[in-house]
Amino acid sequence: MEPLAEKALHAVEKGELTIMPERFEKIYNHWLSNIKDWCISRQLWWGHRIPVWYIVGKEEEYIVARNADEALEKAHQKYGKNVEIYQDPDVLDTWFSSALWPFSTLGWPDVSADDFKKFYPTTMLETGHDILFFWVARMVMMGIEFTGSVPFSHVYLHGLIRDSQGRKMSKTLGNVIDPIDTIKEFGADALRFTISLGTAGQDLSLSIERLTANKAFTNKLWNAGKFILQNLPSQNDISRWEMLLAYKFDEEECLCKAPLPECWVVSKLHMLIDTVTASYDKYFFGDVGRETYDFFWSDFADWYIEASKARLYRSEYDSDAIIAQAVLLYIFENILKLLHPFMPFVTEELWQSLRKRKEALIVSPWPQTSLPRHMSAIKRFENLQSLTRAIRNARAEYSVEPAKRISASIVANEEVIQYISKEKEVLALLSRLDLLNVHFTESPPGDANQSVHLVASEGLEAYLPLADMVDISAEVQRLSKRLSKMQSEYDGLVARLSSSKFVEKAPEDVVRGVQEKAAEAEEKINLTKNRLAFLRSTVMVTK
């Protein structure tokens, strides 16, 4: 084994160099353990010219120098003043030149240069797994040889970008996605975020669908920012800003006093910060992106922003409205910080739009970890979410018009009623209930037999008066027609399956497909029959 390769291997063995994912350390060790001589000269039009000069008439003699003047001076000293020299026409192999990059860019060979002392060695090299040997291993060898230390302590290897079918991009296939064109259509942030969601060392299939989805995410972030800015106090309303900024959600006492939705979303944020910070420390960048995406879209945008509208549209100086503004600002500021490494442009623009930004987002401090969170508030709000989903599903099942407000009786024990009833306005807003006809009770209502019964979670139920949701007679007629049609289709499928000719001669996958359709149709028929029976019983009770 060559001395250069041996030192580079020892760097990994001694823990001076860590390669991620770990499986690539075996590949690194294999290449360096079986290394061959390296021809470093190339016959190309570009590159670093080999610093070797030959003596005219004595081509077996040569001089190595930094430049032509130094070479000529050495030649004069050794061969006399009349000597003539010429430089080797070849250039260095690209990877040889690249191997010098970590330190040659910082002033080397002047090791006293400020940049060299400050930035060498560095911490992280991020590159593709396909050039682990061509570039990374050679940088390690050169770094140790010329400076005495490895040029970086960690190597993070990303995968190759492939097309939507997993093929390597090539001009021949015509499947190359031009990043410049992509940025023009989808934006730099959407492209960065899409690529960053990949897993270390694994190739990423880049598709228009992924880019479109993450452009929508960028737009969602922008629109959330607009909503928050529009609902914050004016810049000149000093007294309201003082009240708003008085809330310190990083303190246990302040979080304890917050209403349920606010306590829930702040607790979820604090948990996210811990999770994301740990993922960053482990270089799980894809996990960071996915975790932050899920929190922003599923928790913050879909739930808290919608819930906050029940607060914001009250009196300007209502205490719940002020705390909602404070929470929106607090959550959004931290989301921008977590997403900034992925989406620097849109996050910086939104950050600068917030009130009195003293510094750029890129140099602002990272969110603190181990901040307070309330698991009981998370559990309670999850119950509220389950109740909301159950009511929304019932509305969809009975085709209730979106704008129609319906009545509801919420049944639970005293403890659950206490915290759910406090958020009556939020529940009514999210579920589209008639606020004046939302009732809380520990036992089923008197019209339970004429209501849709929902079980949201253990110990939490709802009764929705059917007459509020649909015209029962019209719905019975509609479902009867639908049942007749479904029965005809089902009978046709059963007839095909009853035919021995079809079962014996048709391809197996075709027969299986008909069987699956028949089973699905039967299930739908039973559901429709049950609903019809319920509706008819309701009509009879009413009469």
Protein backbone atom coordinates (compact mmCIF):
# COMPACT_ATOMS: atom_id res chain seq x y z
CA MET A 1 0.00 0.00 0.00
CA GLU A 2 1.23 3.48 -0.86
CA PRO A 3 2.10 5.78 2.09
CA LEU A 4 -0.44 8.42 1.00
CA ALA A 5 -3.28 5.90 0.90
CA GLU A 6 -2.19 4.35 4.20
CA LYS A 7 -2.40 7.70 6.00
CA ALA A 8 -5.82 8.36 4.47
CA LEU A 9 -7.06 4.97 5.70
CA HIS A 10 -5.74 5.60 9.20
CA ALA A 11 -7.67 8.90 9.31
CA VAL A 12 -10.95 6.95 9.15
CA GLU A 13 -9.73 4.22 11.53
CA LYS A 14 -8.72 6.81 14.16
CA GLY A 15 -12.01 8.73 13.84
CA GLU A 16 -10.40 11.83 12.38
CA LEU A 17 -12.65 11.46 9.34
CA THR A 18 -16.29 10.31 9.34
CA ILE A 19 -18.03 9.34 6.09
CA MET A 20 -21.84 9.42 5.90
CA PRO A 21 -23.66 7.17 5.26
CA GLU A 22 -21.42 4.76 7.15
CA ARG A 23 -21.68 2.05 4.49
CA PHE A 24 -19.49 4.15 2.18
CA GLU A 25 -16.55 3.81 4.58
CA LYS A 26 -16.21 0.20 3.34
CA ILE A 27 -16.05 1.41 -0.25
CA TYR A 28 -13.49 4.07 0.73
CA ASN A 29 -11.37 1.46 2.54
CA HIS A 30 -11.61 -0.99 -0.36
CA TRP A 31 -10.40 1.54 -2.92
CA LEU A 32 -7.51 2.79 -0.82
CA SER A 33 -6.49 -0.74 0.20
CA ASN A 34 -6.25 -1.71 -3.49
CA ILE A 35 -4.87 1.53 -4.89
CA LYS A 36 -2.84 1.58 -8.11
CA ASP A 37 -0.27 3.98 -9.55
CA TRP A 38 -1.86 7.19 -10.81
CA CYS A 39 -0.86 8.79 -14.10
CA ILE A 40 -1.39 12.49 -13.38
CA SER A 41 -0.63 13.94 -16.84
CA ARG A 42 -3.34 14.69 -19.38
CA GLN A 43 -3.30 15.92 -22.97
CA LEU A 44 -6.02 18.56 -22.73
CA TRP A 45 -6.50 22.18 -23.75
CA TRP A 46 -7.25 23.27 -20.20
CA GLY A 47 -5.98 22.58 -16.69
CA HIS A 48 -2.96 23.30 -14.53
CA ARG A 49 0.11 22.86 -16.66
CA ILE A 50 2.62 20.39 -15.26
CA PRO A 51 5.42 22.46 -13.56
CA VAL A 52 8.26 20.59 -15.27
CA TRP A 53 10.78 22.08 -17.70
CA TYR A 54 13.10 20.12 -19.98
CA ILE A 55 16.59 21.04 -21.16
CA VAL A 56 16.85 21.46 -24.93
CA GLY A 57 19.19 18.75 -26.22
CA LYS A 58 19.07 16.89 -22.90
CA GLU A 59 15.41 15.84 -22.72
CA GLU A 60 16.23 13.19 -20.12
CA GLU A 61 17.11 16.07 -17.80
CA TYR A 62 14.30 18.13 -16.20
CA ILE A 63 13.66 20.85 -13.64
CA VAL A 64 10.67 21.28 -11.31
CA ALA A 65 9.83 24.89 -10.45
CA ARG A 66 6.94 27.15 -9.48
CA ASN A 67 7.18 29.29 -12.63
CA ALA A 68 9.23 29.84 -15.78
CA ASP A 69 11.57 32.41 -14.18
CA GLU A 70 12.40 30.06 -11.31
CA ALA A 71 12.93 27.20 -13.76
CA LEU A 72 15.30 29.26 -15.91
CA GLU A 73 17.29 30.38 -12.85
CA LYS A 74 17.72 26.78 -11.74
CA ALA A 75 18.76 25.77 -15.26
CA HIS A 76 21.39 28.54 -15.37
CA GLN A 77 22.83 27.40 -12.09
CA LYS A 78 23.08 23.79 -13.21
CA TYR A 79 23.73 24.00 -16.97
CA GLY A 80 25.15 27.47 -17.60
CA LYS A 81 23.82 30.74 -18.97
CA ASN A 82 23.33 29.54 -22.55
CA VAL A 83 20.93 26.77 -21.66
CA GLU A 84 17.45 26.68 -23.26
CA ILE A 85 14.40 25.13 -21.59
CA TYR A 86 10.77 24.37 -22.47
CA GLN A 87 7.79 23.38 -20.33
CA ASP A 88 6.02 20.04 -20.54
CA PRO A 89 2.89 20.61 -22.70
CA ASP A 90 0.69 18.28 -20.61
CA VAL A 91 -1.66 19.40 -17.85
CA LEU A 92 -2.39 17.82 -14.50
CA ASP A 93 -5.30 15.41 -14.14
CA THR A 94 -8.39 17.39 -13.07
CA TRP A 95 -8.70 15.32 -9.88
CA PHE A 96 -5.09 16.08 -8.96
CA SER A 97 -5.78 19.81 -9.17
CA SER A 98 -9.07 19.38 -7.34
CA ALA A 99 -7.34 17.43 -4.58
CA LEU A 100 -5.42 20.60 -3.65
CA TRP A 101 -8.56 22.72 -3.42
CA PRO A 102 -9.23 22.61 0.38
CA PHE A 103 -5.97 24.38 1.20
CA SER A 104 -4.71 25.94 -2.06
CA THR A 105 -7.70 28.31 -2.03
CA LEU A 106 -6.78 29.55 1.46
CA GLY A 107 -3.28 30.90 0.78
CA TRP A 108 -1.23 27.69 0.98
CA PRO A 109 1.73 27.17 0.85
CA ASP A 110 1.75 30.26 3.13
CA VAL A 111 0.45 28.52 6.25
CA SER A 112 0.52 31.81 8.11
CA ALA A 113 -2.19 33.25 5.84
CA ASP A 114 -5.25 34.41 7.79
CA ASP A 115 -7.72 32.38 5.73
CA PHE A 116 -5.63 29.23 6.09
CA LYS A 117 -5.37 29.59 9.87
CA LYS A 118 -9.08 30.35 10.23
CA PHE A 119 -10.70 27.91 7.81
CA TYR A 120 -8.34 24.93 7.55
CA PRO A 121 -9.19 22.25 8.35
CA THR A 122 -12.92 22.71 7.88
CA THR A 123 -15.79 20.65 9.29
CA MET A 124 -17.99 19.33 6.51
CA LEU A 125 -17.59 18.34 2.88
CA GLU A 126 -20.84 17.70 0.99
CA THR A 127 -20.54 15.93 -2.35
CA GLY A 128 -21.88 13.10 -4.50
CA HIS A 129 -21.19 9.47 -3.63
CA ASP A 130 -19.97 8.77 -7.16
CA ILE A 131 -16.74 10.77 -6.65
CA LEU A 132 -15.81 9.40 -3.22
CA PHE A 133 -12.56 8.00 -4.59
CA PHE A 134 -11.90 10.41 -7.46
CA TRP A 135 -12.10 13.53 -5.30
CA VAL A 136 -12.69 12.89 -1.59
CA ALA A 137 -9.99 10.27 -1.04
CA ARG A 138 -7.47 12.32 -3.00
CA MET A 139 -8.24 15.48 -1.05
CA VAL A 140 -7.66 13.51 2.15
CA MET A 141 -4.33 12.15 0.87
CA MET A 142 -3.11 15.55 -0.33
CA GLY A 143 -4.31 17.34 2.78
CA ILE A 144 -2.46 15.00 5.11
CA GLU A 145 0.66 15.03 2.92
CA PHE A 146 1.00 18.79 2.51
CA THR A 147 -0.55 20.16 5.72
CA GLY A 148 -0.29 17.31 8.19
CA SER A 149 -4.05 17.10 8.84
CA VAL A 150 -7.21 15.88 7.14
CA PRO A 151 -8.95 18.73 5.27
CA PHE A 152 -12.37 18.09 6.88
CA SER A 153 -13.76 15.97 9.71
CA HIS A 154 -17.04 14.86 8.08
CA VAL A 155 -18.00 13.86 4.54
CA TYR A 156 -21.72 13.89 3.71
CA LEU A 157 -22.49 12.03 0.48
CA HIS A 158 -25.68 12.83 -1.38
CA GLY A 159 -27.22 10.65 -4.05
CA LEU A 160 -27.45 11.32 -7.77
CA ILE A 161 -30.42 13.20 -9.20
CA ARG A 162 -32.33 10.90 -11.52
CA ASP A 163 -35.48 11.36 -13.58
CA SER A 164 -38.97 10.35 -12.44
CA GLN A 165 -38.35 6.79 -13.73
CA GLY A 166 -35.11 6.44 -11.78
CA ARG A 167 -32.91 6.76 -14.88
CA LYS A 168 -29.65 8.71 -14.91
CA MET A 169 -30.11 11.99 -16.74
CA SER A 170 -28.47 12.15 -20.15
CA LYS A 171 -28.74 14.15 -23.34
CA THR A 172 -29.23 10.91 -25.28
CA LEU A 173 -32.37 10.03 -23.32
CA GLY A 174 -33.54 13.64 -23.42
CA ASN A 175 -34.50 13.48 -19.76
CA VAL A 176 -32.24 16.22 -18.40
CA ILE A 177 -34.01 18.70 -16.11
CA ASP A 178 -32.22 22.04 -16.47
CA PRO A 179 -31.95 23.69 -13.03
CA ILE A 180 -32.10 27.19 -14.54
CA ASP A 181 -35.37 26.43 -16.33
CA THR A 182 -36.66 24.70 -13.20
CA ILE A 183 -35.91 27.76 -11.06
CA LYS A 184 -37.73 30.01 -13.54
CA GLU A 185 -40.83 27.80 -13.38
CA PHE A 186 -40.87 26.63 -9.76
CA GLY A 187 -38.51 28.95 -7.89
CA ALA A 188 -35.11 28.30 -6.32
CA ASP A 189 -36.60 27.54 -2.90
CA ALA A 190 -38.91 24.82 -4.24
CA LEU A 191 -36.01 23.20 -6.12
CA ARG A 192 -33.69 23.37 -3.09
CA PHE A 193 -36.35 21.93 -0.79
CA THR A 194 -37.20 19.09 -3.19
CA ILE A 195 -33.57 18.01 -3.55
CA SER A 196 -32.84 18.41 0.17
CA LEU A 197 -35.51 15.87 1.10
CA GLY A 198 -33.31 13.09 -0.23
CA THR A 199 -31.60 10.60 2.07
CA ALA A 200 -27.80 10.57 2.35
CA GLY A 201 -26.22 8.26 -0.20
CA GLN A 202 -29.51 7.40 -1.94
CA ASP A 203 -30.31 8.56 -5.45
CA LEU A 204 -33.29 10.89 -5.80
CA SER A 205 -35.89 10.65 -8.55
CA LEU A 206 -36.73 14.24 -9.48
CA SER A 207 -40.15 14.71 -11.03
CA ILE A 208 -42.34 17.61 -12.03
CA GLU A 209 -44.92 16.34 -9.54
CA ARG A 210 -42.50 16.76 -6.62
CA LEU A 211 -41.47 20.21 -7.77
CA THR A 212 -45.10 21.25 -8.20
CA ALA A 213 -45.94 20.04 -4.69
CA ASN A 214 -43.06 21.96 -3.13
CA LYS A 215 -43.88 25.08 -5.11
CA ALA A 216 -47.32 24.81 -3.51
CA PHE A 217 -45.59 24.50 -0.12
CA THR A 218 -43.62 27.69 -0.84
CA ASN A 219 -46.83 29.47 -1.79
CA LYS A 220 -48.52 28.15 1.37
CA LEU A 221 -45.68 29.57 3.48
CA TRP A 222 -45.96 32.92 1.68
CA ASN A 223 -49.74 33.07 2.11
CA ALA A 224 -49.46 32.16 5.79
CA GLY A 225 -47.02 35.05 6.15
CA LYS A 226 -49.45 37.41 4.43
CA PHE A 227 -52.29 36.30 6.70
CA ILE A 228 -50.20 36.84 9.83
CA LEU A 229 -48.91 40.24 8.71
CA GLN A 230 -52.45 41.37 7.90
CA ASN A 231 -53.65 40.35 11.35
CA LEU A 232 -50.84 41.85 13.42
CA PRO A 233 -51.22 45.34 14.91
CA SER A 234 -50.12 48.31 12.85
CA GLN A 235 -46.51 49.40 13.29
CA ASN A 236 -47.63 52.54 15.11
CA ASP A 237 -49.84 50.78 17.67
CA ILE A 238 -47.18 50.76 20.37
CA SER A 239 -49.44 49.82 23.29
CA ARG A 240 -50.86 46.75 21.51
CA TRP A 241 -47.37 45.63 20.49
CA GLU A 242 -46.26 45.93 24.10
CA MET A 243 -49.13 43.69 25.21
CA LEU A 244 -48.39 41.23 22.40
CA LEU A 245 -44.65 41.01 23.07
CA ALA A 246 -45.23 40.61 26.80
CA TYR A 247 -46.10 36.96 26.19
CA LYS A 248 -43.03 34.77 26.76
CA PHE A 249 -43.95 31.34 25.50
CA ASP A 250 -40.51 29.98 26.28
CA GLU A 251 -41.45 30.29 29.97
CA GLU A 252 -43.48 27.63 31.77
CA GLU A 253 -45.77 30.06 33.57
CA CYS A 254 -46.81 31.85 30.38
CA LEU A 255 -47.50 28.61 28.51
CA CYS A 256 -49.61 27.25 31.40
CA LYS A 257 -51.94 30.24 31.20
CA ALA A 258 -52.46 30.00 27.42
CA PRO A 259 -55.82 28.72 26.08
CA LEU A 260 -55.95 25.15 24.77
CA PRO A 261 -55.23 25.72 21.02
CA GLU A 262 -52.38 28.11 21.82
CA CYS A 263 -50.85 25.81 24.45
CA TRP A 264 -51.16 22.89 22.02
CA VAL A 265 -49.46 24.52 19.03
CA VAL A 266 -46.65 26.09 21.09
CA SER A 267 -46.01 22.73 22.80
CA LYS A 268 -45.88 21.03 19.39
CA LEU A 269 -43.44 23.69 18.15
CA HIS A 270 -41.14 23.17 21.13
CA MET A 271 -41.17 19.43 20.48
CA LEU A 272 -40.42 20.08 16.81
CA ILE A 273 -37.43 22.31 17.63
CA ASP A 274 -35.90 19.52 19.73
CA THR A 275 -36.54 16.90 17.05
CA VAL A 276 -35.26 19.06 14.20
CA THR A 277 -32.16 20.18 16.10
CA ALA A 278 -31.30 16.55 16.89
CA SER A 279 -31.79 15.64 13.21
CA TYR A 280 -29.54 18.51 12.10
CA ASP A 281 -26.85 17.36 14.55
CA LYS A 282 -27.04 13.87 13.03
CA TYR A 283 -27.01 15.30 9.47
CA PHE A 284 -30.48 13.83 8.79
CA PHE A 285 -31.38 16.77 6.57
CA GLY A 286 -34.24 15.00 4.80
CA ASP A 287 -35.88 14.29 8.17
CA VAL A 288 -35.58 17.96 9.12
CA GLY A 289 -37.40 19.02 5.96
CA ARG A 290 -40.18 16.46 6.32
CA GLU A 291 -40.72 17.12 10.04
CA THR A 292 -40.90 20.88 9.55
CA TYR A 293 -43.15 20.51 6.48
CA ASP A 294 -45.58 18.30 8.41
CA PHE A 295 -45.76 20.66 11.38
CA PHE A 296 -46.22 23.77 9.27
CA TRP A 297 -48.86 22.33 6.96
CA SER A 298 -50.74 19.86 9.17
CA ASP A 299 -50.58 21.54 12.58
CA PHE A 300 -49.97 25.24 12.04
CA ALA A 301 -51.70 26.04 8.73
CA ASP A 302 -54.53 23.50 8.72
CA TRP A 303 -55.41 23.73 12.40
CA TYR A 304 -54.01 26.64 14.35
CA ILE A 305 -54.31 29.37 11.74
CA GLU A 306 -57.92 28.31 11.16
CA ALA A 307 -58.62 28.15 14.90
CA SER A 308 -57.03 31.58 15.43
CA LYS A 309 -59.71 33.17 13.26
CA ALA A 310 -62.19 32.56 16.08
CA ARG A 311 -60.00 34.89 18.18
CA LEU A 312 -58.83 37.44 15.62
CA TYR A 313 -62.26 38.51 14.46
CA ARG A 314 -63.30 39.62 17.94
CA SER A 315 -62.81 43.08 19.45
CA GLU A 316 -59.38 44.50 18.68
CA TYR A 317 -58.32 44.52 22.33
CA ASP A 318 -59.86 41.17 23.33
CA SER A 319 -57.27 39.23 25.37
CA ASP A 320 -57.77 36.04 23.31
CA ALA A 321 -57.19 38.01 20.10
CA ILE A 322 -53.93 39.43 21.46
CA ILE A 323 -52.63 36.04 22.56
CA ALA A 324 -53.55 34.59 19.16
CA GLN A 325 -51.51 37.32 17.47
CA ALA A 326 -48.60 36.62 19.83
CA VAL A 327 -48.72 32.88 19.10
CA LEU A 328 -48.98 33.38 15.33
CA LEU A 329 -45.90 35.60 15.41
CA TYR A 330 -43.94 33.31 17.76
CA ILE A 331 -44.67 30.14 15.76
CA PHE A 332 -44.03 31.78 12.39
CA GLU A 333 -40.70 33.30 13.43
CA ASN A 334 -39.45 29.91 14.55
CA ILE A 335 -40.73 28.13 11.44
CA LEU A 336 -38.79 30.61 9.29
CA LYS A 337 -35.63 29.83 11.26
CA LEU A 338 -36.07 26.07 10.89
CA LEU A 339 -36.77 26.31 7.16
CA HIS A 340 -34.15 28.95 6.31
CA PRO A 341 -31.33 26.49 5.45
CA PHE A 342 -33.67 24.86 2.92
CA MET A 343 -35.55 27.88 1.59
CA PRO A 344 -33.35 30.95 2.15
CA PHE A 345 -35.03 33.38 -0.22
CA VAL A 346 -38.71 33.23 0.74
CA THR A 347 -37.91 32.88 4.46
CA GLU A 348 -35.59 35.91 4.45
CA GLU A 349 -38.15 37.98 2.57
CA LEU A 350 -40.88 37.08 5.07
CA TRP A 351 -38.54 37.64 8.01
CA GLN A 352 -37.69 41.15 6.84
CA SER A 353 -41.41 41.91 6.52
CA LEU A 354 -41.96 41.32 10.22
CA ARG A 355 -41.78 44.24 12.64
CA LYS A 356 -38.38 45.73 13.53
CA ARG A 357 -36.01 43.07 12.28
CA LYS A 358 -32.62 44.11 13.71
CA GLU A 359 -30.63 41.52 11.78
CA ALA A 360 -30.93 39.23 8.80
CA LEU A 361 -32.49 35.82 9.33
CA ILE A 362 -29.30 34.09 8.19
CA VAL A 363 -27.39 35.44 11.22
CA SER A 364 -30.21 35.27 13.77
CA PRO A 365 -29.79 32.80 16.67
CA TRP A 366 -31.10 29.25 16.34
CA PRO A 367 -34.23 28.48 18.43
CA GLN A 368 -33.57 27.27 21.97
CA THR A 369 -34.13 23.61 22.77
CA SER A 370 -35.74 21.93 25.81
CA LEU A 371 -38.45 24.59 26.02
CA PRO A 372 -41.64 23.86 28.04
CA ARG A 373 -44.42 21.76 26.55
CA HIS A 374 -47.71 20.41 27.95
CA MET A 375 -48.56 16.85 27.01
CA SER A 376 -52.00 17.12 28.60
CA ALA A 377 -52.83 20.09 26.33
CA ILE A 378 -51.67 18.09 23.32
CA LYS A 379 -53.92 15.19 24.27
CA ARG A 380 -56.90 17.47 24.91
CA PHE A 381 -56.54 19.31 21.62
CA GLU A 382 -56.22 15.97 19.82
CA ASN A 383 -59.65 15.12 21.27
CA LEU A 384 -60.97 18.40 19.87
CA GLN A 385 -59.43 17.51 16.50
CA SER A 386 -61.03 14.04 16.56
CA LEU A 387 -64.40 15.60 17.29
CA THR A 388 -63.97 18.11 14.46
CA ARG A 389 -62.95 15.40 12.00
CA ALA A 390 -65.91 13.24 12.96
CA ILE A 391 -68.33 16.11 12.36
CA ARG A 392 -66.64 17.04 9.08
CA ASN A 393 -66.83 13.42 7.89
CA ALA A 394 -70.53 13.26 8.77
CA ARG A 395 -71.18 16.46 6.85
CA ALA A 396 -69.39 15.03 3.83
CA GLU A 397 -71.19 11.68 4.11
CA TYR A 398 -74.59 13.38 4.11
CA SER A 399 -73.55 15.96 1.47
CA VAL A 400 -74.28 18.92 3.74
CA GLU A 401 -73.69 22.22 1.93
CA PRO A 402 -70.40 23.82 3.07
CA ALA A 403 -72.05 27.08 4.09
CA LYS A 404 -74.81 25.40 6.11
CA ARG A 405 -74.44 25.64 9.90
CA ILE A 406 -75.81 22.67 11.82
CA SER A 407 -76.70 21.95 15.45
CA ALA A 408 -74.76 19.57 17.67
CA SER A 409 -74.95 18.02 21.13
CA ILE A 410 -71.54 17.12 22.55
CA VAL A 411 -71.67 14.32 25.11
CA ALA A 412 -68.78 13.65 27.48
CA ASN A 413 -67.86 13.53 31.15
CA GLU A 414 -67.50 16.69 33.23
CA GLU A 415 -63.73 17.01 32.78
CA VAL A 416 -63.86 16.75 28.97
CA ILE A 417 -66.84 19.08 28.71
CA GLN A 418 -64.98 21.65 30.79
CA TYR A 419 -62.09 22.06 28.34
CA ILE A 420 -64.04 21.41 25.12
CA SER A 421 -66.80 23.89 25.99
CA LYS A 422 -64.23 26.63 26.57
CA GLU A 423 -63.33 26.29 22.88
CA LYS A 424 -66.92 26.32 21.69
CA GLU A 425 -66.23 29.10 19.17
CA VAL A 426 -63.21 27.25 17.76
CA LEU A 427 -65.20 24.01 17.46
CA ALA A 428 -68.10 25.82 15.77
CA LEU A 429 -65.76 27.56 13.33
CA LEU A 430 -63.78 24.45 12.38
CA SER A 431 -66.84 22.16 12.15
CA ARG A 432 -69.27 24.73 10.71
CA LEU A 433 -71.71 24.43 13.60
CA ASP A 434 -74.44 26.87 14.58
CA LEU A 435 -72.77 28.53 17.56
CA LEU A 436 -76.10 29.20 19.29
CA ASN A 437 -77.14 25.55 18.98
CA VAL A 438 -74.03 23.77 20.25
CA HIS A 439 -74.87 22.08 23.55
CA PHE A 440 -72.69 20.20 26.02
CA THR A 441 -74.17 17.43 28.19
CA GLU A 442 -73.14 14.32 30.08
CA SER A 443 -75.97 12.20 28.63
CA PRO A 444 -77.47 11.70 25.14
CA PRO A 445 -80.02 14.35 24.05
CA GLY A 446 -83.75 13.69 23.81
CA ASP A 447 -83.67 13.60 19.98
CA ALA A 448 -80.81 11.05 19.88
CA ASN A 449 -82.95 8.64 17.80
CA GLN A 450 -83.29 11.30 15.12
CA SER A 451 -79.62 12.26 15.12
CA VAL A 452 -76.39 11.00 13.58
CA HIS A 453 -74.36 9.51 16.42
CA LEU A 454 -70.58 10.06 16.26
CA VAL A 455 -67.90 8.60 18.52
CA ALA A 456 -64.93 10.97 18.29
CA SER A 457 -62.76 9.26 20.90
CA GLU A 458 -63.16 7.34 24.13
CA GLY A 459 -65.58 9.30 26.29
CA LEU A 460 -66.32 11.96 23.65
CA GLU A 461 -69.37 11.69 21.39
CA ALA A 462 -71.58 13.97 19.30
CA TYR A 463 -75.19 13.88 18.12
CA LEU A 464 -76.08 15.80 14.96
CA PRO A 465 -79.84 16.25 14.33
CA LEU A 466 -80.46 14.68 10.93
CA ALA A 467 -83.15 17.21 9.98
CA ASP A 468 -80.51 19.91 10.28
CA MET A 469 -78.31 18.27 7.68
CA VAL A 470 -80.57 16.90 4.95
CA ASP A 471 -84.10 16.89 3.55
CA ILE A 472 -84.89 13.37 4.81
CA SER A 473 -87.61 12.54 2.26
CA ALA A 474 -85.48 13.73 -0.65
CA GLU A 475 -82.47 11.83 0.69
CA VAL A 476 -84.52 8.61 0.97
CA GLN A 477 -85.57 8.97 -2.68
CA ARG A 478 -82.00 9.67 -3.80
CA LEU A 479 -80.53 6.72 -1.90
CA SER A 480 -83.31 4.38 -3.12
CA LYS A 481 -82.45 5.17 -6.75
CA ARG A 482 -78.76 4.78 -6.00
CA LEU A 483 -79.37 1.43 -4.27
CA SER A 484 -81.34 0.13 -7.25
CA LYS A 485 -78.51 1.06 -9.61
CA MET A 486 -75.84 -0.49 -7.36
CA GLN A 487 -77.92 -3.68 -7.00
CA SER A 488 -78.13 -4.03 -10.79
CA GLU A 489 -74.39 -3.60 -11.16
CA TYR A 490 -73.76 -6.09 -8.37
CA ASP A 491 -76.11 -8.66 -9.90
CA GLY A 492 -74.24 -8.36 -13.18
CA LEU A 493 -70.90 -9.03 -11.46
CA VAL A 494 -72.32 -12.02 -9.56
CA ALA A 495 -73.74 -13.42 -12.82
CA ARG A 496 -70.30 -13.29 -14.43
CA LEU A 497 -68.72 -15.04 -11.46
CA SER A 498 -71.46 -17.70 -11.53
CA SER A 499 -70.59 -18.55 -15.13
CA SER A 500 -68.20 -21.51 -15.24
CA LYS A 501 -67.04 -20.45 -18.72
CA PHE A 502 -65.94 -17.05 -17.46
CA VAL A 503 -64.19 -18.39 -14.35
CA GLU A 504 -62.39 -21.14 -16.26
CA LYS A 505 -61.41 -19.26 -19.42
CA ALA A 506 -60.82 -15.67 -18.31
CA PRO A 507 -57.28 -14.70 -17.15
CA GLU A 508 -56.75 -15.08 -13.42
CA ASP A 509 -56.16 -11.35 -12.84
CA VAL A 510 -59.42 -10.49 -14.68
CA VAL A 511 -61.42 -12.91 -12.52
CA ARG A 512 -59.76 -11.52 -9.39
CA GLY A 513 -60.65 -7.99 -10.50
CA VAL A 514 -64.33 -8.89 -10.91
CA GLN A 515 -64.33 -10.57 -7.49
CA GLU A 516 -62.87 -7.44 -5.89
CA LYS A 517 -65.45 -5.22 -7.62
CA ALA A 518 -68.26 -7.51 -6.45
CA ALA A 519 -67.00 -7.42 -2.83
CA GLU A 520 -66.70 -3.63 -2.96
CA ALA A 521 -70.19 -3.28 -4.47
CA GLU A 522 -71.67 -5.55 -1.79
CA GLU A 523 -70.09 -3.44 0.95
CA LYS A 524 -71.51 -0.23 -0.56
CA ILE A 525 -74.97 -1.82 -0.88
CA ASN A 526 -74.98 -2.80 2.80
CA LEU A 527 -73.89 0.70 3.85
CA THR A 528 -76.61 2.28 1.71
CA LYS A 529 -79.24 -0.11 3.08
CA ASN A 530 -78.22 0.75 6.64
CA ARG A 531 -78.44 4.46 5.94
CA LEU A 532 -81.84 4.07 4.28
CA ALA A 533 -83.11 2.10 7.27
CA PHE A 534 -81.87 4.83 9.59
CA LEU A 535 -83.49 7.58 7.52
CA ARG A 536 -86.82 5.74 7.29
CA SER A 537 -86.85 5.11 11.03
CA THR A 538 -86.23 8.81 11.56
CA VAL A 539 -89.19 9.69 9.35
CA MET A 540 -91.41 7.30 11.33
CA VAL A 541 -90.28 8.76 14.66
CA THR A 542 -90.97 12.25 13.38
CA LYS A 543 -94.50 11.30 12.30
